[in-house]
Amino acid sequence: MAKVRYVGAEPVTVPELGGRLVVPDEVVEVPDARYDGYVCQPPNWEGVEEPKESAPKRAAAKTVKGDV
């Protein structure tokens, strides 16, 4: 889960977070897939902790001498 801070002036109810009331300067966790939907609204939200990669990057397979 990613984290964002609410920077708006008044408390808001966020349906996506189960109808939770979020107050100014509160940090909340949001689904990684929805992080961009929050931080694209700079008057209301700022990023605190970006989403973690969903899967670790795999190293390229090593070739062994004699492989075709």
PDB file of N, CA and C in Angstrom:
ATOM      1  N   MET A   1       0.837  -1.181   0.000  1.00  0.00           N
ATOM      2  CA  MET A   1       0.000   0.000   0.000  1.00  0.00           C
ATOM      3  C   MET A   1       0.887   1.251   0.000  1.00  0.00           C
ATOM      4  N   ALA A   2       0.452   2.225  -0.765  1.00  0.00           N
ATOM      5  CA  ALA A   2       1.146   3.501  -0.829  1.00  0.00           C
ATOM      6  C   ALA A   2       0.554   4.442   0.222  1.00  0.00           C
ATOM      7  N   LYS A   3       1.244   5.542   0.474  1.00  0.00           N
ATOM      8  CA  LYS A   3       0.751   6.514   1.461  1.00  0.00           C
ATOM      9  C   LYS A   3       0.668   7.894   0.834  1.00  0.00           C
ATOM     10  N   VAL A   4      -0.420   8.598   1.174  1.00  0.00           N
ATOM     11  CA  VAL A   4      -0.613   9.976   0.718  1.00  0.00           C
ATOM     12  C   VAL A   4      -1.052  10.823   1.906  1.00  0.00           C
ATOM     13  N   ARG A   5      -0.803  12.118   1.807  1.00  0.00           N
ATOM     14  CA  ARG A   5      -1.229  13.069   2.855  1.00  0.00           C
ATOM     15  C   ARG A   5      -2.329  13.953   2.274  1.00  0.00           C
ATOM     16  N   TYR A   6      -3.379  14.123   3.043  1.00  0.00           N
ATOM     17  CA  TYR A   6      -4.455  15.016   2.628  1.00  0.00           C
ATOM     18  C   TYR A   6      -4.057  16.436   3.001  1.00  0.00           C
ATOM     19  N   VAL A   7      -3.998  17.326   2.015  1.00  0.00           N
ATOM     20  CA  VAL A   7      -3.569  18.703   2.254  1.00  0.00           C
ATOM     21  C   VAL A   7      -4.698  19.709   2.021  1.00  0.00           C
ATOM     22  N   GLY A   8      -5.917  19.213   1.841  1.00  0.00           N
ATOM     23  CA  GLY A   8      -7.064  20.100   1.666  1.00  0.00           C
ATOM     24  C   GLY A   8      -7.356  20.875   2.946  1.00  0.00           C
ATOM     25  N   ALA A   9      -8.276  21.825   2.840  1.00  0.00           N
ATOM     26  CA  ALA A   9      -8.578  22.713   3.961  1.00  0.00           C
ATOM     27  C   ALA A   9      -9.607  22.147   4.935  1.00  0.00           C
ATOM     28  N   GLU A  10     -10.522  21.304   4.457  1.00  0.00           N
ATOM     29  CA  GLU A  10     -11.620  20.777   5.272  1.00  0.00           C
ATOM     30  C   GLU A  10     -11.581  19.250   5.279  1.00  0.00           C
ATOM     31  N   PRO A  11     -12.042  18.611   6.337  1.00  0.00           N
ATOM     32  CA  PRO A  11     -12.128  17.150   6.342  1.00  0.00           C
ATOM     33  C   PRO A  11     -12.995  16.647   5.184  1.00  0.00           C
ATOM     34  N   VAL A  12     -12.655  15.482   4.656  1.00  0.00           N
ATOM     35  CA  VAL A  12     -13.423  14.884   3.561  1.00  0.00           C
ATOM     36  C   VAL A  12     -13.692  13.414   3.870  1.00  0.00           C
ATOM     37  N   THR A  13     -14.792  12.925   3.339  1.00  0.00           N
ATOM     38  CA  THR A  13     -15.107  11.511   3.425  1.00  0.00           C
ATOM     39  C   THR A  13     -14.641  10.878   2.121  1.00  0.00           C
ATOM     40  N   VAL A  14     -13.856   9.818   2.215  1.00  0.00           N
ATOM     41  CA  VAL A  14     -13.295   9.171   1.035  1.00  0.00           C
ATOM     42  C   VAL A  14     -13.957   7.803   0.866  1.00  0.00           C
ATOM     43  N   PRO A  15     -14.923   7.703  -0.059  1.00  0.00           N
ATOM     44  CA  PRO A  15     -15.632   6.439  -0.252  1.00  0.00           C
ATOM     45  C   PRO A  15     -14.709   5.269  -0.562  1.00  0.00           C
ATOM     46  N   GLU A  16     -13.670   5.509  -1.326  1.00  0.00           N
ATOM     47  CA  GLU A  16     -12.737   4.447  -1.704  1.00  0.00           C
ATOM     48  C   GLU A  16     -12.037   3.833  -0.491  1.00  0.00           C
ATOM     49  N   LEU A  17     -11.970   4.576   0.591  1.00  0.00           N
ATOM     50  CA  LEU A  17     -11.336   4.088   1.813  1.00  0.00           C
ATOM     51  C   LEU A  17     -12.389   3.626   2.821  1.00  0.00           C
ATOM     52  N   GLY A  18     -13.507   3.135   2.308  1.00  0.00           N
ATOM     53  CA  GLY A  18     -14.563   2.629   3.173  1.00  0.00           C
ATOM     54  C   GLY A  18     -15.388   3.722   3.824  1.00  0.00           C
ATOM     55  N   GLY A  19     -15.437   4.909   3.206  1.00  0.00           N
ATOM     56  CA  GLY A  19     -16.210   6.018   3.765  1.00  0.00           C
ATOM     57  C   GLY A  19     -15.516   6.707   4.923  1.00  0.00           C
ATOM     58  N   ARG A  20     -14.235   6.510   4.998  1.00  0.00           N
ATOM     59  CA  ARG A  20     -13.446   7.081   6.102  1.00  0.00           C
ATOM     60  C   ARG A  20     -13.365   8.601   6.014  1.00  0.00           C
ATOM     61  N   LEU A  21     -13.459   9.268   7.162  1.00  0.00           N
ATOM     62  CA  LEU A  21     -13.269  10.710   7.245  1.00  0.00           C
ATOM     63  C   LEU A  21     -11.773  10.982   7.363  1.00  0.00           C
ATOM     64  N   VAL A  22     -11.259  11.798   6.453  1.00  0.00           N
ATOM     65  CA  VAL A  22      -9.832  12.142   6.454  1.00  0.00           C
ATOM     66  C   VAL A  22      -9.723  13.625   6.756  1.00  0.00           C
ATOM     67  N   VAL A  23      -8.895  13.958   7.745  1.00  0.00           N
ATOM     68  CA  VAL A  23      -8.739  15.354   8.166  1.00  0.00           C
ATOM     69  C   VAL A  23      -7.462  15.945   7.563  1.00  0.00           C
ATOM     70  N   PRO A  24      -7.407  17.288   7.454  1.00  0.00           N
ATOM     71  CA  PRO A  24      -6.214  17.915   6.896  1.00  0.00           C
ATOM     72  C   PRO A  24      -4.927  17.461   7.593  1.00  0.00           C
ATOM     73  N   ASP A  25      -3.898  17.220   6.810  1.00  0.00           N
ATOM     74  CA  ASP A  25      -2.558  16.804   7.222  1.00  0.00           C
ATOM     75  C   ASP A  25      -2.499  15.344   7.679  1.00  0.00           C
ATOM     76  N   GLU A  26      -3.570  14.582   7.472  1.00  0.00           N
ATOM     77  CA  GLU A  26      -3.565  13.159   7.836  1.00  0.00           C
ATOM     78  C   GLU A  26      -2.946  12.338   6.710  1.00  0.00           C
ATOM     79  N   VAL A  27      -2.148  11.358   7.084  1.00  0.00           N
ATOM     80  CA  VAL A  27      -1.545  10.425   6.130  1.00  0.00           C
ATOM     81  C   VAL A  27      -2.385   9.151   6.140  1.00  0.00           C
ATOM     82  N   VAL A  28      -2.764   8.706   4.947  1.00  0.00           N
ATOM     83  CA  VAL A  28      -3.563   7.486   4.823  1.00  0.00           C
ATOM     84  C   VAL A  28      -2.912   6.549   3.812  1.00  0.00           C
ATOM     85  N   GLU A  29      -3.203   5.261   3.967  1.00  0.00           N
ATOM     86  CA  GLU A  29      -2.731   4.272   3.002  1.00  0.00           C
ATOM     87  C   GLU A  29      -3.793   4.100   1.928  1.00  0.00           C
ATOM     88  N   VAL A  30      -3.327   4.039   0.681  1.00  0.00           N
ATOM     89  CA  VAL A  30      -4.215   3.832  -0.460  1.00  0.00           C
ATOM     90  C   VAL A  30      -3.678   2.667  -1.280  1.00  0.00           C
ATOM     91  N   PRO A  31      -4.538   2.002  -2.031  1.00  0.00           N
ATOM     92  CA  PRO A  31      -4.057   0.909  -2.875  1.00  0.00           C
ATOM     93  C   PRO A  31      -2.992   1.410  -3.859  1.00  0.00           C
ATOM     94  N   ASP A  32      -1.949   0.620  -4.040  1.00  0.00           N
ATOM     95  CA  ASP A  32      -0.863   1.014  -4.955  1.00  0.00           C
ATOM     96  C   ASP A  32      -1.394   1.420  -6.328  1.00  0.00           C
ATOM     97  N   ALA A  33      -2.368   0.680  -6.826  1.00  0.00           N
ATOM     98  CA  ALA A  33      -2.907   0.951  -8.160  1.00  0.00           C
ATOM     99  C   ALA A  33      -3.647   2.281  -8.230  1.00  0.00           C
ATOM    100  N   ARG A  34      -4.030   2.867  -7.100  1.00  0.00           N
ATOM    101  CA  ARG A  34      -4.771   4.120  -7.082  1.00  0.00           C
ATOM    102  C   ARG A  34      -3.921   5.324  -6.672  1.00  0.00           C
ATOM    103  N   TYR A  35      -2.656   5.115  -6.371  1.00  0.00           N
ATOM    104  CA  TYR A  35      -1.765   6.180  -5.924  1.00  0.00           C
ATOM    105  C   TYR A  35      -1.781   7.374  -6.888  1.00  0.00           C
ATOM    106  N   ASP A  36      -1.641   7.105  -8.183  1.00  0.00           N
ATOM    107  CA  ASP A  36      -1.607   8.196  -9.160  1.00  0.00           C
ATOM    108  C   ASP A  36      -2.899   9.007  -9.165  1.00  0.00           C
ATOM    109  N   GLY A  37      -4.011   8.360  -8.861  1.00  0.00           N
ATOM    110  CA  GLY A  37      -5.292   9.060  -8.815  1.00  0.00           C
ATOM    111  C   GLY A  37      -5.380  10.070  -7.684  1.00  0.00           C
ATOM    112  N   TYR A  38      -4.583   9.884  -6.673  1.00  0.00           N
ATOM    113  CA  TYR A  38      -4.548  10.839  -5.561  1.00  0.00           C
ATOM    114  C   TYR A  38      -3.533  11.953  -5.838  1.00  0.00           C
ATOM    115  N   VAL A  39      -2.303  11.583  -6.170  1.00  0.00           N
ATOM    116  CA  VAL A  39      -1.254  12.602  -6.313  1.00  0.00           C
ATOM    117  C   VAL A  39      -1.429  13.477  -7.547  1.00  0.00           C
ATOM    118  N   CYS A  40      -2.357  13.111  -8.449  1.00  0.00           N
ATOM    119  CA  CYS A  40      -2.618  13.986  -9.597  1.00  0.00           C
ATOM    120  C   CYS A  40      -3.519  15.158  -9.182  1.00  0.00           C
ATOM    121  N   GLN A  41      -3.873  15.219  -7.904  1.00  0.00           N
ATOM    122  CA  GLN A  41      -4.707  16.290  -7.361  1.00  0.00           C
ATOM    123  C   GLN A  41      -3.915  17.082  -6.306  1.00  0.00           C
ATOM    124  N   PRO A  42      -2.877  17.820  -6.719  1.00  0.00           N
ATOM    125  CA  PRO A  42      -1.997  18.486  -5.751  1.00  0.00           C
ATOM    126  C   PRO A  42      -2.679  19.469  -4.799  1.00  0.00           C
ATOM    127  N   PRO A  43      -3.825  20.074  -5.137  1.00  0.00           N
ATOM    128  CA  PRO A  43      -4.459  20.921  -4.119  1.00  0.00           C
ATOM    129  C   PRO A  43      -5.026  20.114  -2.942  1.00  0.00           C
ATOM    130  N   ASN A  44      -5.177  18.788  -3.142  1.00  0.00           N
ATOM    131  CA  ASN A  44      -5.803  17.961  -2.112  1.00  0.00           C
ATOM    132  C   ASN A  44      -4.891  16.893  -1.514  1.00  0.00           C
ATOM    133  N   TRP A  45      -3.994  16.331  -2.316  1.00  0.00           N
ATOM    134  CA  TRP A  45      -3.181  15.190  -1.862  1.00  0.00           C
ATOM    135  C   TRP A  45      -1.733  15.357  -2.270  1.00  0.00           C
ATOM    136  N   GLU A  46      -0.830  14.848  -1.431  1.00  0.00           N
ATOM    137  CA  GLU A  46       0.584  14.796  -1.804  1.00  0.00           C
ATOM    138  C   GLU A  46       1.108  13.407  -1.456  1.00  0.00           C
ATOM    139  N   GLY A  47       2.040  12.950  -2.252  1.00  0.00           N
ATOM    140  CA  GLY A  47       2.611  11.631  -2.026  1.00  0.00           C
ATOM    141  C   GLY A  47       3.521  11.619  -0.807  1.00  0.00           C
ATOM    142  N   VAL A  48       3.452  10.540  -0.046  1.00  0.00           N
ATOM    143  CA  VAL A  48       4.321  10.356   1.114  1.00  0.00           C
ATOM    144  C   VAL A  48       5.219   9.148   0.868  1.00  0.00           C
ATOM    145  N   GLU A  49       4.605   8.061   0.417  1.00  0.00           N
ATOM    146  CA  GLU A  49       5.351   6.835   0.126  1.00  0.00           C
ATOM    147  C   GLU A  49       4.784   6.238  -1.152  1.00  0.00           C
ATOM    148  N   GLU A  50       5.614   6.187  -2.186  1.00  0.00           N
ATOM    149  CA  GLU A  50       5.164   5.672  -3.477  1.00  0.00           C
ATOM    150  C   GLU A  50       4.900   4.172  -3.405  1.00  0.00           C
ATOM    151  N   PRO A  51       4.115   3.679  -4.368  1.00  0.00           N
ATOM    152  CA  PRO A  51       3.853   2.234  -4.395  1.00  0.00           C
ATOM    153  C   PRO A  51       5.138   1.446  -4.543  1.00  0.00           C
ATOM    154  N   LYS A  52       5.152   0.295  -3.933  1.00  0.00           N
ATOM    155  CA  LYS A  52       6.289  -0.602  -4.101  1.00  0.00           C
ATOM    156  C   LYS A  52       6.055  -1.382  -5.382  1.00  0.00           C
ATOM    157  N   GLU A  53       7.123  -1.837  -5.999  1.00  0.00           N
ATOM    158  CA  GLU A  53       6.964  -2.621  -7.216  1.00  0.00           C
ATOM    159  C   GLU A  53       6.199  -3.883  -6.885  1.00  0.00           C
ATOM    160  N   SER A  54       5.274  -4.241  -7.739  1.00  0.00           N
ATOM    161  CA  SER A  54       4.436  -5.403  -7.461  1.00  0.00           C
ATOM    162  C   SER A  54       5.203  -6.718  -7.555  1.00  0.00           C
ATOM    163  N   ALA A  55       6.217  -6.749  -8.392  1.00  0.00           N
ATOM    164  CA  ALA A  55       7.021  -7.972  -8.505  1.00  0.00           C
ATOM    165  C   ALA A  55       8.480  -7.572  -8.661  1.00  0.00           C
ATOM    166  N   PRO A  56       9.365  -8.262  -7.984  1.00  0.00           N
ATOM    167  CA  PRO A  56      10.773  -7.918  -8.140  1.00  0.00           C
ATOM    168  C   PRO A  56      11.237  -8.165  -9.568  1.00  0.00           C
ATOM    169  N   LYS A  57      12.140  -7.320 -10.010  1.00  0.00           N
ATOM    170  CA  LYS A  57      12.673  -7.490 -11.360  1.00  0.00           C
ATOM    171  C   LYS A  57      13.537  -8.737 -11.413  1.00  0.00           C
ATOM    172  N   ARG A  58      13.375  -9.463 -12.487  1.00  0.00           N
ATOM    173  CA  ARG A  58      14.164 -10.679 -12.648  1.00  0.00           C
ATOM    174  C   ARG A  58      15.407 -10.364 -13.453  1.00  0.00           C
ATOM    175  N   ALA A  59      16.492 -10.997 -13.052  1.00  0.00           N
ATOM    176  CA  ALA A  59      17.725 -10.830 -13.815  1.00  0.00           C
ATOM    177  C   ALA A  59      17.615 -11.623 -15.103  1.00  0.00           C
ATOM    178  N   ALA A  60      18.283 -11.161 -16.119  1.00  0.00           N
ATOM    179  CA  ALA A  60      18.281 -11.879 -17.387  1.00  0.00           C
ATOM    180  C   ALA A  60      18.905 -13.257 -17.187  1.00  0.00           C
ATOM    181  N   ALA A  61      18.365 -14.217 -17.870  1.00  0.00           N
ATOM    182  CA  ALA A  61      18.889 -15.582 -17.753  1.00  0.00           C
ATOM    183  C   ALA A  61      20.314 -15.619 -18.284  1.00  0.00           C
ATOM    184  N   LYS A  62      21.160 -16.312 -17.556  1.00  0.00           N
ATOM    185  CA  LYS A  62      22.550 -16.444 -17.988  1.00  0.00           C
ATOM    186  C   LYS A  62      22.660 -17.571 -18.991  1.00  0.00           C
ATOM    187  N   THR A  63      23.485 -17.354 -19.979  1.00  0.00           N
ATOM    188  CA  THR A  63      23.693 -18.433 -20.953  1.00  0.00           C
ATOM    189  C   THR A  63      24.899 -19.255 -20.529  1.00  0.00           C
ATOM    190  N   VAL A  64      24.810 -20.494 -20.851  1.00  0.00           N
ATOM    191  CA  VAL A  64      25.898 -21.419 -20.526  1.00  0.00           C
ATOM    192  C   VAL A  64      26.559 -21.818 -21.826  1.00  0.00           C
ATOM    193  N   LYS A  65      27.857 -21.880 -21.798  1.00  0.00           N
ATOM    194  CA  LYS A  65      28.583 -22.243 -23.011  1.00  0.00           C
ATOM    195  C   LYS A  65      28.026 -23.569 -23.529  1.00  0.00           C
ATOM    196  N   GLY A  66      27.684 -23.598 -24.788  1.00  0.00           N
ATOM    197  CA  GLY A  66      27.117 -24.794 -25.399  1.00  0.00           C
ATOM    198  C   GLY A  66      25.614 -24.666 -25.605  1.00  0.00           C
ATOM    199  N   ASP A  67      24.980 -23.644 -24.975  1.00  0.00           N
ATOM    200  CA  ASP A  67      23.556 -23.419 -25.212  1.00  0.00           C
ATOM    201  C   ASP A  67      23.339 -22.979 -26.648  1.00  0.00           C
ATOM    202  N   VAL A  68      22.249 -23.388 -27.230  1.00  0.00           N
ATOM    203  CA  VAL A  68      21.966 -22.993 -28.618  1.00  0.00           C
ATOM    204  C   VAL A  68      20.837 -22.023 -28.631  1.00  0.00           C
TER     205      VAL A  68
END
